[in-house]
Amino acid sequence: MKAMPEATHMAGRVSLTWEQALAAEAALKEGRKALESDPQAISERIRKAQNKAMTARD
């Protein structure tokens, strides 16, 4: 925080100002929307969940 005293948020080891944090959050939300609506990504999440359930069952 000494290097960037106006920082209000941290992203790992990176200090962010309020505006940067808002921009980062908006970008993450857009990426999440795109991923959640992609049929291939949905299939992959289902496949991983099924594999995890099968592993836990054994």
C-alpha atoms as a PDB file:
ATOM      1  CA  MET A   1       0.000   0.000   0.000  1.00  0.00           C
ATOM      2  CA  LYS A   2       2.968   2.315   0.392  1.00  0.00           C
ATOM      3  CA  ALA A   3       3.510   2.256  -3.367  1.00  0.00           C
ATOM      4  CA  MET A   4      -0.097   3.203  -4.100  1.00  0.00           C
ATOM      5  CA  PRO A   5      -1.709   4.984  -1.128  1.00  0.00           C
ATOM      6  CA  GLU A   6      -4.901   5.784  -3.095  1.00  0.00           C
ATOM      7  CA  ALA A   7      -5.628   2.061  -3.565  1.00  0.00           C
ATOM      8  CA  THR A   8      -8.932   0.848  -2.166  1.00  0.00           C
ATOM      9  CA  HIS A   9      -8.790  -2.803  -3.293  1.00  0.00           C
ATOM     10  CA  MET A  10      -6.273  -5.587  -3.791  1.00  0.00           C
ATOM     11  CA  ALA A  11      -6.273  -8.149  -6.617  1.00  0.00           C
ATOM     12  CA  GLY A  12      -3.728 -10.653  -5.434  1.00  0.00           C
ATOM     13  CA  ARG A  13      -0.618  -8.543  -4.993  1.00  0.00           C
ATOM     14  CA  VAL A  14      -1.857  -5.732  -7.245  1.00  0.00           C
ATOM     15  CA  SER A  15      -3.279  -2.570  -5.706  1.00  0.00           C
ATOM     16  CA  LEU A  16      -6.362  -1.158  -7.419  1.00  0.00           C
ATOM     17  CA  THR A  17      -8.151   2.152  -7.203  1.00  0.00           C
ATOM     18  CA  TRP A  18     -11.932   2.182  -6.858  1.00  0.00           C
ATOM     19  CA  GLU A  19     -12.373   2.792 -10.599  1.00  0.00           C
ATOM     20  CA  GLN A  20      -9.976  -0.014 -11.514  1.00  0.00           C
ATOM     21  CA  ALA A  21     -11.758  -2.410  -9.159  1.00  0.00           C
ATOM     22  CA  LEU A  22     -15.122  -1.541 -10.750  1.00  0.00           C
ATOM     23  CA  ALA A  23     -13.696  -2.078 -14.243  1.00  0.00           C
ATOM     24  CA  ALA A  24     -12.179  -5.427 -13.217  1.00  0.00           C
ATOM     25  CA  GLU A  25     -15.455  -6.578 -11.652  1.00  0.00           C
ATOM     26  CA  ALA A  26     -17.412  -5.578 -14.771  1.00  0.00           C
ATOM     27  CA  ALA A  27     -14.988  -7.488 -16.990  1.00  0.00           C
ATOM     28  CA  LEU A  28     -15.287 -10.586 -14.805  1.00  0.00           C
ATOM     29  CA  LYS A  29     -19.090 -10.403 -14.924  1.00  0.00           C
ATOM     30  CA  GLU A  30     -19.067 -10.138 -18.733  1.00  0.00           C
ATOM     31  CA  GLY A  31     -16.715 -13.090 -19.009  1.00  0.00           C
ATOM     32  CA  ARG A  32     -18.874 -15.136 -16.651  1.00  0.00           C
ATOM     33  CA  LYS A  33     -21.991 -14.345 -18.719  1.00  0.00           C
ATOM     34  CA  ALA A  34     -20.265 -15.474 -21.908  1.00  0.00           C
ATOM     35  CA  LEU A  35     -19.031 -18.687 -20.292  1.00  0.00           C
ATOM     36  CA  GLU A  36     -22.372 -19.518 -18.687  1.00  0.00           C
ATOM     37  CA  SER A  37     -24.195 -19.258 -22.025  1.00  0.00           C
ATOM     38  CA  ASP A  38     -21.678 -21.261 -24.088  1.00  0.00           C
ATOM     39  CA  PRO A  39     -23.044 -24.768 -24.803  1.00  0.00           C
ATOM     40  CA  GLN A  40     -19.569 -26.298 -24.894  1.00  0.00           C
ATOM     41  CA  ALA A  41     -18.685 -24.757 -21.520  1.00  0.00           C
ATOM     42  CA  ILE A  42     -21.974 -26.002 -20.049  1.00  0.00           C
ATOM     43  CA  SER A  43     -21.253 -29.524 -21.302  1.00  0.00           C
ATOM     44  CA  GLU A  44     -17.768 -29.396 -19.813  1.00  0.00           C
ATOM     45  CA  ARG A  45     -19.086 -28.300 -16.393  1.00  0.00           C
ATOM     46  CA  ILE A  46     -21.649 -31.132 -16.454  1.00  0.00           C
ATOM     47  CA  ARG A  47     -18.962 -33.637 -17.453  1.00  0.00           C
ATOM     48  CA  LYS A  48     -16.700 -32.515 -14.598  1.00  0.00           C
ATOM     49  CA  ALA A  49     -19.560 -32.663 -12.093  1.00  0.00           C
ATOM     50  CA  GLN A  50     -20.463 -36.192 -13.223  1.00  0.00           C
ATOM     51  CA  ASN A  51     -16.848 -37.326 -12.999  1.00  0.00           C
ATOM     52  CA  LYS A  52     -16.541 -35.860  -9.521  1.00  0.00           C
ATOM     53  CA  ALA A  53     -19.742 -37.601  -8.422  1.00  0.00           C
ATOM     54  CA  MET A  54     -18.559 -40.917  -9.848  1.00  0.00           C
ATOM     55  CA  THR A  55     -15.193 -40.575  -8.086  1.00  0.00           C
ATOM     56  CA  ALA A  56     -16.846 -39.715  -4.767  1.00  0.00           C
ATOM     57  CA  ARG A  57     -19.184 -42.690  -5.113  1.00  0.00           C
ATOM     58  CA  ASP A  58     -16.346 -45.216  -5.464  1.00  0.00           C
END
